[in-house]
Amino acid sequence: MSSLKYLSAYPAALQDQVRRMIADDQLGAYLTKRYPERHTVQTDRALYDFCTELKREFLRTGPSLDKAVYDGKLDVLHQALGLHTSISRVQGGKLKAKKEIRIASLFKEGAPEFLKMIVVHELAHFREREHNKAFYRLCETMMPEYGQVEFDTRLFLTYRDLAPRPSPSGIR
């Protein structure tokens, strides 16, 4: 059966379980039942407001967020699900740092939990650069079900890759 590129770091037994769900055509039903709603954060401004509110709630003392946008050029396999950047510039005698978050545009169509998980992940990088225990503890503090939603987001990406897509002309 096909390689599960988004789940490659997970144990073989779990990957086999996912393969059985795919073979039994149950993956879509699982995702639909677990995540029936779609979020309404559709614009870059709404995304910025969403990110700022989460940051204000959990990382009050951290650096301010200057920009949050959906990015159609992010490759979810190589760039992960989102991207955080910090740009430092010297302006006069001061050092100015700008923080920004970019989220892959395909998450405009996802469940609110998927978007929140990605934003939580990128915000956690403001405080913890590495994916270490402290990083994941912070993610779990901001979103208690973080681990499960991260796994389910990877299931969503797997399901999305499996779904037949019409060709540009509309013919399959």
C-alpha atoms as a PDB file:
ATOM      1  CA  MET A   1       0.000   0.000   0.000  1.00  0.00           C
ATOM      2  CA  SER A   2       1.050   3.623  -0.407  1.00  0.00           C
ATOM      3  CA  SER A   3       3.521   5.442   1.787  1.00  0.00           C
ATOM      4  CA  LEU A   4       1.992   7.639   4.459  1.00  0.00           C
ATOM      5  CA  LYS A   5       4.302  10.639   4.046  1.00  0.00           C
ATOM      6  CA  TYR A   6       2.616  12.797   6.687  1.00  0.00           C
ATOM      7  CA  LEU A   7       2.681   9.956   9.217  1.00  0.00           C
ATOM      8  CA  SER A   8       6.174   8.582   8.611  1.00  0.00           C
ATOM      9  CA  ALA A   9       7.391   9.457  12.140  1.00  0.00           C
ATOM     10  CA  TYR A  10       4.596   7.490  13.805  1.00  0.00           C
ATOM     11  CA  PRO A  11       4.903   3.815  14.864  1.00  0.00           C
ATOM     12  CA  ALA A  12       4.346   1.128  12.216  1.00  0.00           C
ATOM     13  CA  ALA A  13       1.340  -0.292  14.100  1.00  0.00           C
ATOM     14  CA  LEU A  14      -0.396   3.088  13.971  1.00  0.00           C
ATOM     15  CA  GLN A  15       0.417   3.475  10.276  1.00  0.00           C
ATOM     16  CA  ASP A  16      -1.058   0.000   9.659  1.00  0.00           C
ATOM     17  CA  GLN A  17      -4.228   1.081  11.438  1.00  0.00           C
ATOM     18  CA  VAL A  18      -4.465   4.128   9.154  1.00  0.00           C
ATOM     19  CA  ARG A  19      -3.867   1.936   6.078  1.00  0.00           C
ATOM     20  CA  ARG A  20      -6.771  -0.304   7.176  1.00  0.00           C
ATOM     21  CA  MET A  21      -8.999   2.772   7.567  1.00  0.00           C
ATOM     22  CA  ILE A  22      -8.027   3.854   4.048  1.00  0.00           C
ATOM     23  CA  ALA A  23      -8.621   0.366   2.606  1.00  0.00           C
ATOM     24  CA  ASP A  24     -12.025   0.178   4.318  1.00  0.00           C
ATOM     25  CA  ASP A  25     -12.862   3.700   3.097  1.00  0.00           C
ATOM     26  CA  GLN A  26     -13.315   4.875   6.704  1.00  0.00           C
ATOM     27  CA  LEU A  27     -10.807   7.740   6.924  1.00  0.00           C
ATOM     28  CA  GLY A  28     -13.140  10.389   5.493  1.00  0.00           C
ATOM     29  CA  ALA A  29     -15.985   9.283   7.757  1.00  0.00           C
ATOM     30  CA  TYR A  30     -13.710   9.443  10.814  1.00  0.00           C
ATOM     31  CA  LEU A  31     -12.571  12.985   9.981  1.00  0.00           C
ATOM     32  CA  THR A  32     -16.092  14.196   9.163  1.00  0.00           C
ATOM     33  CA  LYS A  33     -17.498  12.781  12.395  1.00  0.00           C
ATOM     34  CA  ARG A  34     -14.692  14.146  14.543  1.00  0.00           C
ATOM     35  CA  TYR A  35     -14.420  17.552  12.802  1.00  0.00           C
ATOM     36  CA  PRO A  36     -17.800  18.425  11.248  1.00  0.00           C
ATOM     37  CA  GLU A  37     -17.327  22.205  11.247  1.00  0.00           C
ATOM     38  CA  ARG A  38     -15.205  24.454   9.044  1.00  0.00           C
ATOM     39  CA  HIS A  39     -13.678  27.612  10.450  1.00  0.00           C
ATOM     40  CA  THR A  40     -14.600  31.116   9.328  1.00  0.00           C
ATOM     41  CA  VAL A  41     -11.072  32.617   9.443  1.00  0.00           C
ATOM     42  CA  GLN A  42     -10.814  33.211   5.705  1.00  0.00           C
ATOM     43  CA  THR A  43      -8.859  36.448   5.300  1.00  0.00           C
ATOM     44  CA  ASP A  44      -5.350  37.450   6.313  1.00  0.00           C
ATOM     45  CA  ARG A  45      -6.804  40.104   8.622  1.00  0.00           C
ATOM     46  CA  ALA A  46      -9.036  37.536  10.347  1.00  0.00           C
ATOM     47  CA  LEU A  47      -6.034  35.201  10.660  1.00  0.00           C
ATOM     48  CA  TYR A  48      -3.948  37.988  12.208  1.00  0.00           C
ATOM     49  CA  ASP A  49      -6.737  38.725  14.713  1.00  0.00           C
ATOM     50  CA  PHE A  50      -7.067  34.990  15.518  1.00  0.00           C
ATOM     51  CA  CYS A  51      -3.299  34.642  16.092  1.00  0.00           C
ATOM     52  CA  THR A  52      -3.104  37.839  18.133  1.00  0.00           C
ATOM     53  CA  GLU A  53      -5.933  36.716  20.412  1.00  0.00           C
ATOM     54  CA  LEU A  54      -4.250  33.349  21.093  1.00  0.00           C
ATOM     55  CA  LYS A  55      -0.925  35.086  21.700  1.00  0.00           C
ATOM     56  CA  ARG A  56      -2.549  37.586  24.056  1.00  0.00           C
ATOM     57  CA  GLU A  57      -4.202  34.776  26.001  1.00  0.00           C
ATOM     58  CA  PHE A  58      -1.149  32.533  26.416  1.00  0.00           C
ATOM     59  CA  LEU A  59       2.045  34.467  25.627  1.00  0.00           C
ATOM     60  CA  ARG A  60       1.414  37.931  27.024  1.00  0.00           C
ATOM     61  CA  THR A  61       5.070  38.634  27.736  1.00  0.00           C
ATOM     62  CA  GLY A  62       6.355  37.387  24.370  1.00  0.00           C
ATOM     63  CA  PRO A  63       7.274  39.526  21.388  1.00  0.00           C
ATOM     64  CA  SER A  64       4.446  41.133  19.443  1.00  0.00           C
ATOM     65  CA  LEU A  65       3.146  39.565  16.260  1.00  0.00           C
ATOM     66  CA  ASP A  66       3.567  41.836  13.260  1.00  0.00           C
ATOM     67  CA  LYS A  67       1.982  39.765  10.515  1.00  0.00           C
ATOM     68  CA  ALA A  68      -0.061  36.593   9.990  1.00  0.00           C
ATOM     69  CA  VAL A  69      -1.035  35.481   6.481  1.00  0.00           C
ATOM     70  CA  TYR A  70      -2.195  32.515   4.460  1.00  0.00           C
ATOM     71  CA  ASP A  71       0.540  31.522   2.044  1.00  0.00           C
ATOM     72  CA  GLY A  72      -0.302  29.648  -1.157  1.00  0.00           C
ATOM     73  CA  LYS A  73       3.362  28.887  -1.797  1.00  0.00           C
ATOM     74  CA  LEU A  74       4.021  26.858   1.360  1.00  0.00           C
ATOM     75  CA  ASP A  75       4.714  23.216   0.573  1.00  0.00           C
ATOM     76  CA  VAL A  76       3.124  21.330   3.471  1.00  0.00           C
ATOM     77  CA  LEU A  77       5.450  18.347   3.215  1.00  0.00           C
ATOM     78  CA  HIS A  78       8.732  20.292   3.286  1.00  0.00           C
ATOM     79  CA  GLN A  79       7.791  23.496   5.101  1.00  0.00           C
ATOM     80  CA  ALA A  80       5.525  21.728   7.604  1.00  0.00           C
ATOM     81  CA  LEU A  81       2.052  23.168   8.095  1.00  0.00           C
ATOM     82  CA  GLY A  82       3.007  26.732   8.830  1.00  0.00           C
ATOM     83  CA  LEU A  83       6.070  28.898   9.166  1.00  0.00           C
ATOM     84  CA  HIS A  84       7.244  31.430  11.718  1.00  0.00           C
ATOM     85  CA  THR A  85       9.876  34.007  10.909  1.00  0.00           C
ATOM     86  CA  SER A  86      11.726  36.646  12.810  1.00  0.00           C
ATOM     87  CA  ILE A  87      13.319  39.468  10.861  1.00  0.00           C
ATOM     88  CA  SER A  88      15.727  41.783  12.657  1.00  0.00           C
ATOM     89  CA  ARG A  89      16.622  45.196  11.267  1.00  0.00           C
ATOM     90  CA  VAL A  90      18.663  48.074  12.581  1.00  0.00           C
ATOM     91  CA  GLN A  91      16.696  51.303  12.459  1.00  0.00           C
ATOM     92  CA  GLY A  92      18.705  54.237  13.693  1.00  0.00           C
ATOM     93  CA  GLY A  93      20.366  53.131  16.906  1.00  0.00           C
ATOM     94  CA  LYS A  94      17.764  50.467  17.693  1.00  0.00           C
ATOM     95  CA  LEU A  95      17.355  46.835  16.731  1.00  0.00           C
ATOM     96  CA  LYS A  96      13.789  46.094  15.576  1.00  0.00           C
ATOM     97  CA  ALA A  97      12.546  42.509  15.353  1.00  0.00           C
ATOM     98  CA  LYS A  98       9.448  41.634  13.359  1.00  0.00           C
ATOM     99  CA  LYS A  99       7.652  38.342  13.984  1.00  0.00           C
ATOM    100  CA  GLU A 100       5.417  36.803  11.371  1.00  0.00           C
ATOM    101  CA  ILE A 101       3.407  33.610  10.903  1.00  0.00           C
ATOM    102  CA  ARG A 102       2.514  32.054   7.565  1.00  0.00           C
ATOM    103  CA  ILE A 103      -0.098  29.292   7.311  1.00  0.00           C
ATOM    104  CA  ALA A 104      -0.492  27.070   4.239  1.00  0.00           C
ATOM    105  CA  SER A 105      -3.577  28.311   2.358  1.00  0.00           C
ATOM    106  CA  LEU A 106      -5.038  24.826   2.106  1.00  0.00           C
ATOM    107  CA  PHE A 107      -6.002  25.225   5.775  1.00  0.00           C
ATOM    108  CA  LYS A 108      -8.634  27.774   4.822  1.00  0.00           C
ATOM    109  CA  GLU A 109     -10.838  24.736   4.158  1.00  0.00           C
ATOM    110  CA  GLY A 110     -10.021  22.883   7.389  1.00  0.00           C
ATOM    111  CA  ALA A 111     -11.629  22.436  10.752  1.00  0.00           C
ATOM    112  CA  PRO A 112     -11.162  25.186  13.367  1.00  0.00           C
ATOM    113  CA  GLU A 113      -9.139  22.763  15.489  1.00  0.00           C
ATOM    114  CA  PHE A 114      -6.610  22.262  12.662  1.00  0.00           C
ATOM    115  CA  LEU A 115      -6.076  25.988  12.257  1.00  0.00           C
ATOM    116  CA  LYS A 116      -5.754  26.512  16.005  1.00  0.00           C
ATOM    117  CA  MET A 117      -3.221  23.660  16.273  1.00  0.00           C
ATOM    118  CA  ILE A 118      -1.021  25.171  13.566  1.00  0.00           C
ATOM    119  CA  VAL A 119      -1.191  28.656  15.077  1.00  0.00           C
ATOM    120  CA  VAL A 120      -0.438  27.272  18.562  1.00  0.00           C
ATOM    121  CA  HIS A 121       2.568  25.421  17.113  1.00  0.00           C
ATOM    122  CA  GLU A 122       3.960  28.538  15.436  1.00  0.00           C
ATOM    123  CA  LEU A 123       3.302  30.752  18.465  1.00  0.00           C
ATOM    124  CA  ALA A 124       5.081  28.235  20.716  1.00  0.00           C
ATOM    125  CA  HIS A 125       8.181  28.762  18.570  1.00  0.00           C
ATOM    126  CA  PHE A 126       8.234  32.395  19.760  1.00  0.00           C
ATOM    127  CA  ARG A 127       9.234  31.064  23.184  1.00  0.00           C
ATOM    128  CA  GLU A 128      10.844  27.671  22.373  1.00  0.00           C
ATOM    129  CA  ARG A 129      12.834  27.383  19.151  1.00  0.00           C
ATOM    130  CA  GLU A 130      13.355  23.613  19.211  1.00  0.00           C
ATOM    131  CA  HIS A 131      10.805  20.800  19.204  1.00  0.00           C
ATOM    132  CA  ASN A 132      11.684  19.676  22.724  1.00  0.00           C
ATOM    133  CA  LYS A 133       9.680  18.712  25.817  1.00  0.00           C
ATOM    134  CA  ALA A 134       9.241  22.340  26.860  1.00  0.00           C
ATOM    135  CA  PHE A 135       7.921  23.178  23.392  1.00  0.00           C
ATOM    136  CA  TYR A 136       5.286  20.413  23.461  1.00  0.00           C
ATOM    137  CA  ARG A 137       4.325  21.244  27.065  1.00  0.00           C
ATOM    138  CA  LEU A 138       3.686  24.817  25.948  1.00  0.00           C
ATOM    139  CA  CYS A 139       1.593  23.582  23.001  1.00  0.00           C
ATOM    140  CA  GLU A 140      -0.440  21.352  25.358  1.00  0.00           C
ATOM    141  CA  THR A 141      -0.935  24.296  27.728  1.00  0.00           C
ATOM    142  CA  MET A 142      -2.319  26.453  24.912  1.00  0.00           C
ATOM    143  CA  MET A 143      -4.370  23.589  23.455  1.00  0.00           C
ATOM    144  CA  PRO A 144      -4.846  20.566  25.743  1.00  0.00           C
ATOM    145  CA  GLU A 145      -5.755  18.221  22.867  1.00  0.00           C
ATOM    146  CA  TYR A 146      -2.760  19.395  20.785  1.00  0.00           C
ATOM    147  CA  GLY A 147      -1.220  15.934  20.199  1.00  0.00           C
ATOM    148  CA  GLN A 148      -4.443  14.344  18.955  1.00  0.00           C
ATOM    149  CA  VAL A 149      -5.306  17.297  16.720  1.00  0.00           C
ATOM    150  CA  GLU A 150      -1.789  17.291  15.240  1.00  0.00           C
ATOM    151  CA  PHE A 151      -2.193  13.598  14.384  1.00  0.00           C
ATOM    152  CA  ASP A 152      -5.680  14.193  12.952  1.00  0.00           C
ATOM    153  CA  THR A 153      -4.348  17.107  10.871  1.00  0.00           C
ATOM    154  CA  ARG A 154      -1.858  14.685   9.354  1.00  0.00           C
ATOM    155  CA  LEU A 155      -4.758  12.287   8.688  1.00  0.00           C
ATOM    156  CA  PHE A 156      -6.595  15.171   6.983  1.00  0.00           C
ATOM    157  CA  LEU A 157      -3.572  15.833   4.749  1.00  0.00           C
ATOM    158  CA  THR A 158      -3.323  12.114   3.943  1.00  0.00           C
ATOM    159  CA  TYR A 159      -7.028  11.963   3.088  1.00  0.00           C
ATOM    160  CA  ARG A 160      -6.736  15.085   0.971  1.00  0.00           C
ATOM    161  CA  ASP A 161      -3.909  13.487  -1.032  1.00  0.00           C
ATOM    162  CA  LEU A 162      -6.004  10.344  -1.585  1.00  0.00           C
ATOM    163  CA  ALA A 163      -9.094  12.170  -2.833  1.00  0.00           C
ATOM    164  CA  PRO A 164      -9.339  12.210  -6.627  1.00  0.00           C
ATOM    165  CA  ARG A 165      -8.937  15.702  -8.027  1.00  0.00           C
ATOM    166  CA  PRO A 166     -10.489  16.896 -11.264  1.00  0.00           C
ATOM    167  CA  SER A 167      -8.057  17.999 -13.930  1.00  0.00           C
ATOM    168  CA  PRO A 168      -7.885  21.739 -14.677  1.00  0.00           C
ATOM    169  CA  SER A 169     -10.435  21.275 -17.456  1.00  0.00           C
ATOM    170  CA  GLY A 170     -12.834  19.550 -15.045  1.00  0.00           C
ATOM    171  CA  ILE A 171     -12.329  16.082 -16.561  1.00  0.00           C
ATOM    172  CA  ARG A 172     -11.103  13.290 -14.279  1.00  0.00           C
END
